[in-house]
N, C-alpha and C. Protein backbone atom coordinates (compact mmCIF):
# COMPACT_ATOMS: atom_id res chain seq x y z
N LEU A 1 35.04 -12.85 -0.29
CA LEU A 1 35.28 -11.46 -0.68
C LEU A 1 36.66 -10.99 -0.22
N TRP A 2 37.06 -11.42 0.99
CA TRP A 2 38.37 -11.01 1.49
C TRP A 2 39.49 -11.55 0.61
N ILE A 3 39.36 -12.81 0.19
CA ILE A 3 40.37 -13.41 -0.70
C ILE A 3 40.38 -12.69 -2.04
N TRP A 4 39.20 -12.36 -2.54
CA TRP A 4 39.09 -11.65 -3.82
C TRP A 4 39.74 -10.28 -3.72
N GLN A 5 39.64 -9.62 -2.58
CA GLN A 5 40.22 -8.30 -2.41
C GLN A 5 41.74 -8.33 -2.34
N GLN A 6 42.33 -9.47 -2.11
CA GLN A 6 43.78 -9.58 -2.03
C GLN A 6 44.43 -9.51 -3.40
N ARG A 7 43.62 -9.66 -4.46
CA ARG A 7 44.17 -9.55 -5.81
C ARG A 7 44.59 -8.11 -6.09
N ASP A 8 45.44 -7.94 -7.10
CA ASP A 8 45.93 -6.60 -7.43
C ASP A 8 44.82 -5.70 -7.96
N HIS A 9 44.03 -6.24 -8.87
CA HIS A 9 42.99 -5.42 -9.51
C HIS A 9 41.63 -6.01 -9.21
N TYR A 10 40.97 -5.47 -8.21
CA TYR A 10 39.60 -5.87 -7.92
C TYR A 10 38.75 -4.62 -7.90
N PRO A 11 37.50 -4.70 -8.38
CA PRO A 11 36.64 -3.51 -8.39
C PRO A 11 35.99 -3.32 -7.02
N PRO A 12 36.36 -2.29 -6.26
CA PRO A 12 35.79 -2.10 -4.92
C PRO A 12 34.29 -1.89 -4.95
N LYS A 13 33.79 -1.23 -5.98
CA LYS A 13 32.34 -0.98 -6.06
C LYS A 13 31.59 -2.30 -6.16
N THR A 14 32.07 -3.22 -6.98
CA THR A 14 31.42 -4.53 -7.12
C THR A 14 31.52 -5.32 -5.84
N THR A 15 32.65 -5.24 -5.15
CA THR A 15 32.82 -5.95 -3.88
C THR A 15 31.80 -5.47 -2.86
N ILE A 16 31.60 -4.17 -2.78
CA ILE A 16 30.61 -3.61 -1.85
C ILE A 16 29.22 -4.12 -2.20
N GLN A 17 28.89 -4.10 -3.47
CA GLN A 17 27.55 -4.53 -3.88
C GLN A 17 27.32 -6.02 -3.59
N ILE A 18 28.32 -6.86 -3.88
CA ILE A 18 28.19 -8.29 -3.59
C ILE A 18 28.04 -8.50 -2.08
N GLY A 19 28.83 -7.77 -1.30
CA GLY A 19 28.73 -7.89 0.15
C GLY A 19 27.35 -7.51 0.67
N LEU A 20 26.77 -6.45 0.14
CA LEU A 20 25.43 -6.02 0.58
C LEU A 20 24.36 -7.04 0.19
N VAL A 21 24.48 -7.61 -1.01
CA VAL A 21 23.52 -8.64 -1.43
C VAL A 21 23.65 -9.87 -0.53
N LEU A 22 24.88 -10.28 -0.24
CA LEU A 22 25.08 -11.44 0.65
C LEU A 22 24.55 -11.16 2.06
N ASP A 23 24.76 -9.95 2.56
CA ASP A 23 24.21 -9.59 3.87
C ASP A 23 22.69 -9.72 3.89
N SER A 24 22.04 -9.20 2.86
CA SER A 24 20.58 -9.28 2.79
C SER A 24 20.12 -10.73 2.68
N TRP A 25 20.84 -11.54 1.91
CA TRP A 25 20.48 -12.95 1.74
C TRP A 25 20.59 -13.71 3.07
N VAL A 26 21.71 -13.53 3.77
CA VAL A 26 21.93 -14.21 5.05
C VAL A 26 20.89 -13.76 6.08
N LEU A 27 20.58 -12.47 6.09
CA LEU A 27 19.56 -11.96 7.01
C LEU A 27 18.20 -12.60 6.71
N THR A 28 17.87 -12.77 5.44
CA THR A 28 16.61 -13.41 5.05
C THR A 28 16.58 -14.85 5.54
N GLU A 29 17.68 -15.57 5.38
CA GLU A 29 17.72 -16.96 5.86
C GLU A 29 17.55 -17.02 7.38
N LEU A 30 18.24 -16.13 8.10
CA LEU A 30 18.13 -16.12 9.56
C LEU A 30 16.70 -15.80 10.01
N LEU A 31 16.09 -14.83 9.33
CA LEU A 31 14.72 -14.46 9.70
C LEU A 31 13.74 -15.58 9.37
N TYR A 32 13.95 -16.28 8.26
CA TYR A 32 13.09 -17.41 7.90
C TYR A 32 13.12 -18.48 9.00
N LEU A 33 14.31 -18.74 9.56
CA LEU A 33 14.47 -19.78 10.57
C LEU A 33 14.04 -19.33 11.97
N THR A 34 13.81 -18.03 12.15
CA THR A 34 13.52 -17.54 13.51
C THR A 34 12.25 -16.71 13.58
N GLY A 35 11.20 -17.14 12.93
CA GLY A 35 9.90 -16.49 13.11
C GLY A 35 9.45 -15.60 11.98
N GLY A 36 10.26 -15.41 10.96
CA GLY A 36 9.84 -14.60 9.81
C GLY A 36 9.65 -13.15 10.16
N ALA A 37 8.52 -12.58 9.69
CA ALA A 37 8.26 -11.15 9.88
C ALA A 37 7.99 -10.80 11.34
N SER A 38 7.64 -11.80 12.18
CA SER A 38 7.41 -11.51 13.60
C SER A 38 8.71 -11.29 14.35
N ASN A 39 9.83 -11.65 13.74
CA ASN A 39 11.13 -11.43 14.37
C ASN A 39 11.47 -9.94 14.27
N PRO A 40 11.76 -9.31 15.40
CA PRO A 40 12.05 -7.87 15.36
C PRO A 40 13.32 -7.51 14.60
N LEU A 41 14.17 -8.48 14.29
CA LEU A 41 15.39 -8.19 13.55
C LEU A 41 15.14 -7.85 12.08
N THR A 42 13.86 -7.89 11.65
CA THR A 42 13.56 -7.48 10.28
C THR A 42 13.97 -6.03 10.04
N PHE A 43 14.09 -5.27 11.11
CA PHE A 43 14.55 -3.89 11.05
C PHE A 43 15.93 -3.81 10.40
N LEU A 44 16.71 -4.88 10.50
CA LEU A 44 18.08 -4.88 9.95
C LEU A 44 18.12 -4.85 8.43
N TYR A 45 16.98 -5.07 7.77
CA TYR A 45 16.96 -4.91 6.31
C TYR A 45 17.34 -3.48 5.91
N LEU A 46 17.15 -2.54 6.83
CA LEU A 46 17.46 -1.14 6.51
C LEU A 46 18.97 -0.88 6.41
N VAL A 47 19.77 -1.68 7.10
CA VAL A 47 21.22 -1.41 7.14
C VAL A 47 21.87 -1.59 5.76
N PRO A 48 21.66 -2.73 5.05
CA PRO A 48 22.26 -2.83 3.71
C PRO A 48 21.72 -1.77 2.75
N ILE A 49 20.42 -1.42 2.91
CA ILE A 49 19.85 -0.38 2.04
C ILE A 49 20.54 0.96 2.30
N LEU A 50 20.78 1.26 3.58
CA LEU A 50 21.45 2.50 3.93
C LEU A 50 22.86 2.55 3.33
N PHE A 51 23.61 1.45 3.46
CA PHE A 51 24.97 1.44 2.92
C PHE A 51 24.96 1.46 1.39
N ALA A 52 23.96 0.84 0.79
CA ALA A 52 23.85 0.91 -0.67
C ALA A 52 23.62 2.35 -1.10
N ALA A 53 22.76 3.06 -0.36
CA ALA A 53 22.48 4.46 -0.71
C ALA A 53 23.72 5.33 -0.53
N LEU A 54 24.56 5.00 0.45
CA LEU A 54 25.76 5.81 0.71
C LEU A 54 26.92 5.47 -0.23
N MET A 55 27.05 4.19 -0.63
CA MET A 55 28.28 3.79 -1.32
C MET A 55 28.08 3.25 -2.74
N SER A 56 26.83 3.10 -3.19
CA SER A 56 26.61 2.50 -4.51
C SER A 56 25.77 3.42 -5.38
N SER A 57 25.53 2.93 -6.58
CA SER A 57 24.74 3.72 -7.53
C SER A 57 23.26 3.71 -7.15
N ARG A 58 22.54 4.66 -7.70
CA ARG A 58 21.10 4.77 -7.42
C ARG A 58 20.36 3.52 -7.90
N ARG A 59 20.75 3.02 -9.08
CA ARG A 59 20.06 1.84 -9.63
C ARG A 59 20.24 0.62 -8.72
N PHE A 60 21.47 0.39 -8.25
CA PHE A 60 21.69 -0.74 -7.35
C PHE A 60 20.91 -0.58 -6.06
N THR A 61 20.85 0.64 -5.53
CA THR A 61 20.10 0.90 -4.30
C THR A 61 18.62 0.59 -4.49
N ILE A 62 18.06 1.00 -5.62
CA ILE A 62 16.65 0.73 -5.89
C ILE A 62 16.40 -0.77 -6.01
N VAL A 63 17.29 -1.48 -6.72
CA VAL A 63 17.13 -2.94 -6.88
C VAL A 63 17.22 -3.63 -5.52
N LEU A 64 18.20 -3.25 -4.70
CA LEU A 64 18.35 -3.86 -3.38
C LEU A 64 17.15 -3.55 -2.49
N THR A 65 16.61 -2.34 -2.59
CA THR A 65 15.43 -1.97 -1.80
C THR A 65 14.24 -2.84 -2.17
N PHE A 66 13.97 -2.99 -3.46
CA PHE A 66 12.84 -3.82 -3.88
C PHE A 66 13.06 -5.30 -3.54
N ALA A 67 14.31 -5.75 -3.63
CA ALA A 67 14.62 -7.13 -3.26
C ALA A 67 14.39 -7.34 -1.77
N SER A 68 14.75 -6.37 -0.95
CA SER A 68 14.53 -6.47 0.50
C SER A 68 13.05 -6.45 0.84
N ILE A 69 12.30 -5.61 0.13
CA ILE A 69 10.84 -5.57 0.35
C ILE A 69 10.22 -6.91 -0.02
N ALA A 70 10.65 -7.48 -1.14
CA ALA A 70 10.14 -8.78 -1.57
C ALA A 70 10.53 -9.88 -0.57
N ALA A 71 11.77 -9.83 -0.07
CA ALA A 71 12.22 -10.83 0.91
C ALA A 71 11.41 -10.71 2.20
N TYR A 72 11.12 -9.48 2.62
CA TYR A 72 10.31 -9.27 3.82
C TYR A 72 8.92 -9.88 3.62
N LEU A 73 8.33 -9.68 2.45
CA LEU A 73 7.01 -10.26 2.16
C LEU A 73 7.07 -11.78 2.16
N LEU A 74 8.14 -12.35 1.60
CA LEU A 74 8.28 -13.81 1.57
C LEU A 74 8.42 -14.39 2.97
N ILE A 75 9.19 -13.74 3.84
CA ILE A 75 9.31 -14.29 5.20
C ILE A 75 8.06 -14.02 6.03
N TYR A 76 7.23 -13.11 5.56
CA TYR A 76 5.93 -12.92 6.23
C TYR A 76 5.03 -14.12 5.96
N VAL A 77 5.09 -14.60 4.72
CA VAL A 77 4.25 -15.74 4.32
C VAL A 77 4.89 -17.06 4.70
N PHE A 78 6.15 -17.23 4.38
CA PHE A 78 6.85 -18.49 4.62
C PHE A 78 7.91 -18.30 5.71
N HIS A 79 7.76 -19.00 6.82
CA HIS A 79 8.74 -18.91 7.90
C HIS A 79 8.55 -20.06 8.87
N MET A 80 9.56 -20.23 9.71
CA MET A 80 9.47 -21.22 10.78
C MET A 80 9.20 -20.46 12.08
N PRO A 81 8.10 -20.79 12.78
CA PRO A 81 7.76 -20.02 13.99
C PRO A 81 8.83 -20.15 15.06
N LEU A 82 9.06 -19.03 15.76
CA LEU A 82 10.07 -19.00 16.81
C LEU A 82 9.52 -19.61 18.10
N VAL A 83 8.25 -19.32 18.42
CA VAL A 83 7.62 -19.86 19.63
C VAL A 83 6.28 -20.48 19.26
N ASN A 84 5.71 -21.20 20.18
CA ASN A 84 4.40 -21.83 19.97
C ASN A 84 3.34 -20.75 19.78
N PRO A 85 2.47 -20.85 18.75
CA PRO A 85 1.45 -19.82 18.51
C PRO A 85 0.50 -19.63 19.69
N HIS A 86 0.38 -20.62 20.57
CA HIS A 86 -0.53 -20.48 21.70
C HIS A 86 0.04 -19.55 22.77
N TRP A 87 1.31 -19.31 22.72
CA TRP A 87 1.93 -18.43 23.71
C TRP A 87 1.98 -16.99 23.16
N LEU A 88 0.81 -16.46 22.85
CA LEU A 88 0.71 -15.17 22.17
C LEU A 88 1.29 -14.05 23.01
N HIS A 89 0.94 -14.03 24.31
CA HIS A 89 1.42 -12.95 25.17
C HIS A 89 2.95 -12.97 25.24
N GLN A 90 3.50 -14.14 25.41
CA GLN A 90 4.97 -14.25 25.47
C GLN A 90 5.58 -13.84 24.13
N ASN A 91 4.92 -14.19 23.05
CA ASN A 91 5.40 -13.84 21.71
C ASN A 91 5.42 -12.32 21.54
N ILE A 92 4.37 -11.64 22.01
CA ILE A 92 4.30 -10.18 21.87
C ILE A 92 5.39 -9.53 22.72
N GLN A 93 5.56 -10.02 23.96
CA GLN A 93 6.60 -9.46 24.82
C GLN A 93 7.99 -9.66 24.21
N LEU A 94 8.21 -10.85 23.66
CA LEU A 94 9.48 -11.13 22.99
C LEU A 94 9.67 -10.20 21.80
N HIS A 95 8.59 -9.95 21.07
CA HIS A 95 8.66 -9.07 19.90
C HIS A 95 9.02 -7.65 20.33
N PHE A 96 8.38 -7.13 21.38
CA PHE A 96 8.67 -5.77 21.84
C PHE A 96 10.11 -5.65 22.34
N LEU A 97 10.55 -6.65 23.09
CA LEU A 97 11.93 -6.64 23.57
C LEU A 97 12.91 -6.68 22.39
N GLY A 98 12.58 -7.53 21.43
CA GLY A 98 13.43 -7.63 20.23
C GLY A 98 13.44 -6.35 19.43
N MET A 99 12.28 -5.68 19.34
CA MET A 99 12.21 -4.40 18.62
C MET A 99 13.15 -3.38 19.28
N TRP A 100 13.16 -3.33 20.61
CA TRP A 100 14.02 -2.39 21.32
C TRP A 100 15.49 -2.73 21.09
N LEU A 101 15.82 -4.04 21.20
CA LEU A 101 17.20 -4.45 20.97
C LEU A 101 17.64 -4.15 19.55
N THR A 102 16.74 -4.41 18.61
CA THR A 102 17.05 -4.16 17.20
C THR A 102 17.26 -2.68 16.94
N PHE A 103 16.38 -1.86 17.53
CA PHE A 103 16.53 -0.42 17.35
C PHE A 103 17.86 0.05 17.92
N ARG A 104 18.20 -0.44 19.10
CA ARG A 104 19.47 -0.05 19.73
C ARG A 104 20.65 -0.46 18.85
N LEU A 105 20.62 -1.70 18.37
CA LEU A 105 21.70 -2.18 17.52
C LEU A 105 21.81 -1.37 16.23
N THR A 106 20.67 -1.12 15.59
CA THR A 106 20.68 -0.37 14.33
C THR A 106 21.13 1.07 14.55
N ALA A 107 20.66 1.69 15.63
CA ALA A 107 21.06 3.07 15.92
C ALA A 107 22.57 3.16 16.12
N VAL A 108 23.13 2.20 16.86
CA VAL A 108 24.58 2.21 17.09
C VAL A 108 25.32 1.96 15.79
N LEU A 109 24.86 0.97 15.01
CA LEU A 109 25.51 0.68 13.73
C LEU A 109 25.51 1.89 12.81
N ILE A 110 24.34 2.51 12.68
CA ILE A 110 24.23 3.65 11.77
C ILE A 110 25.09 4.80 12.26
N SER A 111 25.00 5.13 13.56
CA SER A 111 25.76 6.28 14.04
C SER A 111 27.26 6.04 13.94
N VAL A 112 27.72 4.84 14.30
CA VAL A 112 29.17 4.57 14.26
C VAL A 112 29.66 4.48 12.82
N LEU A 113 28.99 3.68 12.01
CA LEU A 113 29.49 3.45 10.65
C LEU A 113 29.33 4.66 9.75
N VAL A 114 28.20 5.36 9.86
CA VAL A 114 28.01 6.54 9.01
C VAL A 114 28.99 7.64 9.45
N THR A 115 29.19 7.79 10.76
CA THR A 115 30.17 8.77 11.23
C THR A 115 31.57 8.42 10.71
N TRP A 116 31.92 7.13 10.77
CA TRP A 116 33.23 6.68 10.27
C TRP A 116 33.36 6.96 8.77
N MET A 117 32.29 6.67 8.02
CA MET A 117 32.33 6.90 6.57
C MET A 117 32.44 8.39 6.26
N MET A 118 31.68 9.21 6.99
CA MET A 118 31.74 10.65 6.73
C MET A 118 33.12 11.21 7.08
N ALA A 119 33.74 10.69 8.15
CA ALA A 119 35.09 11.13 8.49
C ALA A 119 36.06 10.75 7.36
N GLY A 120 35.88 9.55 6.80
CA GLY A 120 36.71 9.13 5.67
C GLY A 120 36.52 10.03 4.46
N LEU A 121 35.26 10.41 4.20
CA LEU A 121 34.99 11.30 3.07
C LEU A 121 35.60 12.68 3.29
N LYS A 122 35.51 13.19 4.53
CA LYS A 122 36.11 14.49 4.82
C LYS A 122 37.62 14.43 4.67
N GLU A 123 38.23 13.34 5.15
CA GLU A 123 39.68 13.19 5.01
C GLU A 123 40.08 13.13 3.55
N ARG A 124 39.28 12.43 2.77
CA ARG A 124 39.57 12.34 1.33
C ARG A 124 39.43 13.71 0.67
N GLU A 125 38.41 14.47 1.09
CA GLU A 125 38.22 15.80 0.55
C GLU A 125 39.40 16.71 0.88
N VAL A 126 39.92 16.59 2.11
CA VAL A 126 41.10 17.38 2.50
C VAL A 126 42.30 17.01 1.64
N ARG A 127 42.48 15.68 1.40
CA ARG A 127 43.61 15.24 0.57
C ARG A 127 43.47 15.75 -0.87
N VAL A 128 42.24 15.76 -1.39
CA VAL A 128 42.03 16.26 -2.75
C VAL A 128 42.34 17.76 -2.82
N ARG A 129 41.90 18.51 -1.79
CA ARG A 129 42.21 19.94 -1.77
C ARG A 129 43.71 20.19 -1.68
N GLU A 130 44.41 19.40 -0.85
CA GLU A 130 45.87 19.55 -0.75
C GLU A 130 46.55 19.22 -2.07
N ALA A 131 46.04 18.17 -2.75
CA ALA A 131 46.62 17.82 -4.05
C ALA A 131 46.38 18.93 -5.07
N ASP A 132 45.18 19.55 -5.03
CA ASP A 132 44.90 20.67 -5.93
C ASP A 132 45.83 21.85 -5.65
N ARG A 133 46.01 22.14 -4.35
CA ARG A 133 46.91 23.24 -3.98
C ARG A 133 48.34 22.95 -4.44
N SER A 134 48.77 21.71 -4.23
CA SER A 134 50.13 21.33 -4.64
C SER A 134 50.28 21.44 -6.16
N GLN A 135 49.26 21.00 -6.88
CA GLN A 135 49.32 21.08 -8.35
C GLN A 135 49.36 22.53 -8.81
N MET A 136 48.55 23.40 -8.15
CA MET A 136 48.56 24.82 -8.53
C MET A 136 49.92 25.44 -8.25
N ARG A 137 50.54 25.06 -7.09
CA ARG A 137 51.86 25.59 -6.76
C ARG A 137 52.89 25.12 -7.80
N ASP A 138 52.81 23.84 -8.18
CA ASP A 138 53.73 23.31 -9.19
C ASP A 138 53.56 24.01 -10.53
N GLU A 139 52.29 24.26 -10.89
CA GLU A 139 52.03 24.94 -12.16
C GLU A 139 52.56 26.37 -12.12
N ASN A 140 52.41 27.05 -10.96
CA ASN A 140 52.95 28.41 -10.83
C ASN A 140 54.47 28.42 -10.93
N LEU A 141 55.11 27.43 -10.27
CA LEU A 141 56.57 27.34 -10.36
C LEU A 141 57.02 27.07 -11.80
N LEU A 142 56.30 26.20 -12.49
CA LEU A 142 56.63 25.91 -13.88
C LEU A 142 56.47 27.15 -14.74
N TRP A 143 55.37 27.90 -14.50
CA TRP A 143 55.14 29.13 -15.26
C TRP A 143 56.26 30.13 -15.00
N LEU A 144 56.64 30.29 -13.71
CA LEU A 144 57.73 31.21 -13.38
C LEU A 144 59.05 30.78 -14.02
N GLY A 145 59.31 29.46 -13.98
CA GLY A 145 60.52 28.95 -14.61
C GLY A 145 60.56 29.23 -16.10
N MET A 146 59.42 29.02 -16.77
CA MET A 146 59.36 29.28 -18.22
C MET A 146 59.55 30.77 -18.50
N LYS A 147 58.93 31.62 -17.66
CA LYS A 147 59.08 33.06 -17.86
C LYS A 147 60.54 33.47 -17.65
N ALA A 148 61.17 32.90 -16.62
CA ALA A 148 62.58 33.24 -16.35
C ALA A 148 63.48 32.79 -17.50
N ALA A 149 63.23 31.58 -18.01
CA ALA A 149 64.04 31.08 -19.13
C ALA A 149 63.84 31.94 -20.37
N ASN A 150 62.60 32.35 -20.61
CA ASN A 150 62.30 33.21 -21.76
C ASN A 150 62.98 34.57 -21.61
N LEU A 151 62.92 35.13 -20.40
CA LEU A 151 63.55 36.41 -20.14
C LEU A 151 65.07 36.31 -20.30
N ALA A 152 65.66 35.24 -19.78
CA ALA A 152 67.11 35.04 -19.91
C ALA A 152 67.51 34.95 -21.38
N HIS A 153 66.70 34.24 -22.16
CA HIS A 153 67.00 34.11 -23.59
C HIS A 153 66.90 35.47 -24.28
N GLN A 154 65.87 36.23 -23.92
CA GLN A 154 65.68 37.55 -24.55
C GLN A 154 66.80 38.52 -24.18
N LEU A 155 67.31 38.43 -22.95
CA LEU A 155 68.38 39.34 -22.52
C LEU A 155 69.75 38.91 -23.02
N SER A 156 69.95 37.62 -23.20
CA SER A 156 71.29 37.15 -23.59
C SER A 156 71.67 37.61 -25.00
N THR A 157 70.73 37.70 -25.91
CA THR A 157 71.05 38.12 -27.28
C THR A 157 71.57 39.56 -27.33
N PRO A 158 70.84 40.54 -26.72
CA PRO A 158 71.41 41.92 -26.75
C PRO A 158 72.73 42.03 -26.01
N MET A 159 72.90 41.27 -24.92
CA MET A 159 74.17 41.36 -24.18
C MET A 159 75.33 40.81 -25.01
N ASN A 160 75.09 39.73 -25.75
CA ASN A 160 76.15 39.20 -26.64
C ASN A 160 76.49 40.23 -27.71
N ASN A 161 75.47 40.92 -28.22
CA ASN A 161 75.73 41.98 -29.22
C ASN A 161 76.57 43.10 -28.60
N MET A 162 76.28 43.44 -27.35
CA MET A 162 77.04 44.49 -26.68
C MET A 162 78.49 44.07 -26.47
N TYR A 163 78.73 42.78 -26.16
CA TYR A 163 80.10 42.29 -26.03
C TYR A 163 80.85 42.44 -27.35
N LEU A 164 80.17 42.09 -28.47
CA LEU A 164 80.80 42.22 -29.78
C LEU A 164 81.14 43.68 -30.08
N LEU A 165 80.17 44.58 -29.80
CA LEU A 165 80.43 46.01 -30.02
C LEU A 165 81.57 46.51 -29.14
N LEU A 166 81.61 46.03 -27.90
CA LEU A 166 82.67 46.45 -26.97
C LEU A 166 84.04 45.99 -27.47
N ASP A 167 84.08 44.75 -28.02
CA ASP A 167 85.35 44.26 -28.57
C ASP A 167 85.80 45.10 -29.76
N GLU A 168 84.83 45.51 -30.61
CA GLU A 168 85.17 46.35 -31.77
C GLU A 168 85.67 47.72 -31.32
N LEU A 169 84.98 48.28 -30.31
CA LEU A 169 85.42 49.60 -29.80
C LEU A 169 86.79 49.51 -29.13
N ALA A 170 87.04 48.39 -28.43
CA ALA A 170 88.34 48.21 -27.77
C ALA A 170 89.46 48.08 -28.80
N ALA A 171 89.15 47.50 -29.99
CA ALA A 171 90.16 47.33 -31.03
C ALA A 171 90.60 48.68 -31.59
N LYS A 172 89.66 49.63 -31.70
CA LYS A 172 90.04 50.93 -32.23
C LYS A 172 89.88 52.02 -31.17
N GLN A 173 90.22 51.69 -29.95
CA GLN A 173 90.00 52.64 -28.85
C GLN A 173 91.03 53.77 -28.87
N HIS A 174 90.57 54.86 -28.33
CA HIS A 174 91.44 56.00 -28.07
C HIS A 174 91.85 55.91 -26.61
N PRO A 175 93.03 56.42 -26.28
CA PRO A 175 93.50 56.30 -24.88
C PRO A 175 92.54 56.91 -23.87
N GLU A 176 91.82 57.98 -24.26
CA GLU A 176 90.91 58.61 -23.29
C GLU A 176 89.65 57.78 -23.06
N ASP A 177 89.36 56.80 -23.96
CA ASP A 177 88.15 55.95 -23.81
C ASP A 177 88.44 54.66 -23.05
N ALA A 178 89.66 54.35 -22.71
CA ALA A 178 90.04 53.07 -22.09
C ALA A 178 89.31 52.86 -20.76
N GLU A 179 89.25 53.92 -19.95
CA GLU A 179 88.60 53.78 -18.65
C GLU A 179 87.11 53.50 -18.80
N ASP A 180 86.45 54.19 -19.75
CA ASP A 180 85.00 53.98 -19.98
C ASP A 180 84.73 52.58 -20.51
N LEU A 181 85.59 52.11 -21.41
CA LEU A 181 85.39 50.76 -21.97
C LEU A 181 85.60 49.69 -20.90
N ALA A 182 86.57 49.92 -20.02
CA ALA A 182 86.80 48.96 -18.92
C ALA A 182 85.59 48.92 -17.99
N LEU A 183 85.00 50.09 -17.70
CA LEU A 183 83.80 50.16 -16.87
C LEU A 183 82.63 49.45 -17.55
N MET A 184 82.49 49.66 -18.88
CA MET A 184 81.41 49.00 -19.63
C MET A 184 81.58 47.47 -19.57
N ARG A 185 82.84 47.01 -19.73
CA ARG A 185 83.09 45.56 -19.69
C ARG A 185 82.74 45.00 -18.30
N THR A 186 83.13 45.71 -17.25
CA THR A 186 82.81 45.27 -15.88
C THR A 186 81.30 45.20 -15.67
N GLN A 187 80.60 46.22 -16.13
CA GLN A 187 79.13 46.25 -15.98
C GLN A 187 78.47 45.11 -16.77
N LEU A 188 78.96 44.84 -17.97
CA LEU A 188 78.41 43.75 -18.78
C LEU A 188 78.66 42.39 -18.13
N GLN A 189 79.86 42.23 -17.56
CA GLN A 189 80.16 40.96 -16.89
C GLN A 189 79.27 40.76 -15.66
N GLU A 190 78.98 41.85 -14.95
CA GLU A 190 78.08 41.75 -13.80
C GLU A 190 76.67 41.36 -14.24
N CYS A 191 76.19 41.98 -15.33
CA CYS A 191 74.87 41.62 -15.89
C CYS A 191 74.83 40.17 -16.33
N THR A 192 75.93 39.70 -16.95
CA THR A 192 76.00 38.30 -17.39
C THR A 192 75.94 37.36 -16.19
N HIS A 193 76.66 37.71 -15.13
CA HIS A 193 76.64 36.89 -13.91
C HIS A 193 75.21 36.82 -13.33
N ILE A 194 74.53 37.97 -13.26
CA ILE A 194 73.16 38.00 -12.74
C ILE A 194 72.24 37.16 -13.63
N LEU A 195 72.41 37.30 -14.94
CA LEU A 195 71.57 36.56 -15.88
C LEU A 195 71.78 35.05 -15.74
N HIS A 196 73.02 34.62 -15.60
CA HIS A 196 73.31 33.19 -15.43
C HIS A 196 72.73 32.68 -14.10
N SER A 197 72.79 33.50 -13.05
CA SER A 197 72.21 33.10 -11.75
C SER A 197 70.71 32.92 -11.88
């Protein structure tokens, strides 16, 4: 699986599912060789099911659950005994000790891995929210830019018309209007400068 993941395009969902199936298969083989259903490590069948429920589709989780139940039944019937059947008391004590060890291991695995996964999901959620915020900001800037360009276009046409009218008035100006026309030209140039900015 590690080699397969080194490729450019690998489906992570399929990799997770294959890994969970392989985990269940290896666990079944180990349990078959070490006492079958009497081995307290049968509790570990819950770990792949838990990860399937967290990271895979509902259908895959259901299939893996039924496969694990069937594997548990098979190792109940077919297995290699871990200790001599005559040593029943020792077998029970070993089973109880193994149940405690298994519970401890599973509790640690679930708490550490589920906490790690939830932290990853929260981090991903934060990144998605930041991306949404960034996209909204970009869209607002684009909208403002389009509005500004539209406004500049709308204002430039009347200002060009005013320049033309000012040139016509300057051509036939009276001496008493020279100061007013110069003021109008200065004001128009200031408006043009603001519009270009």
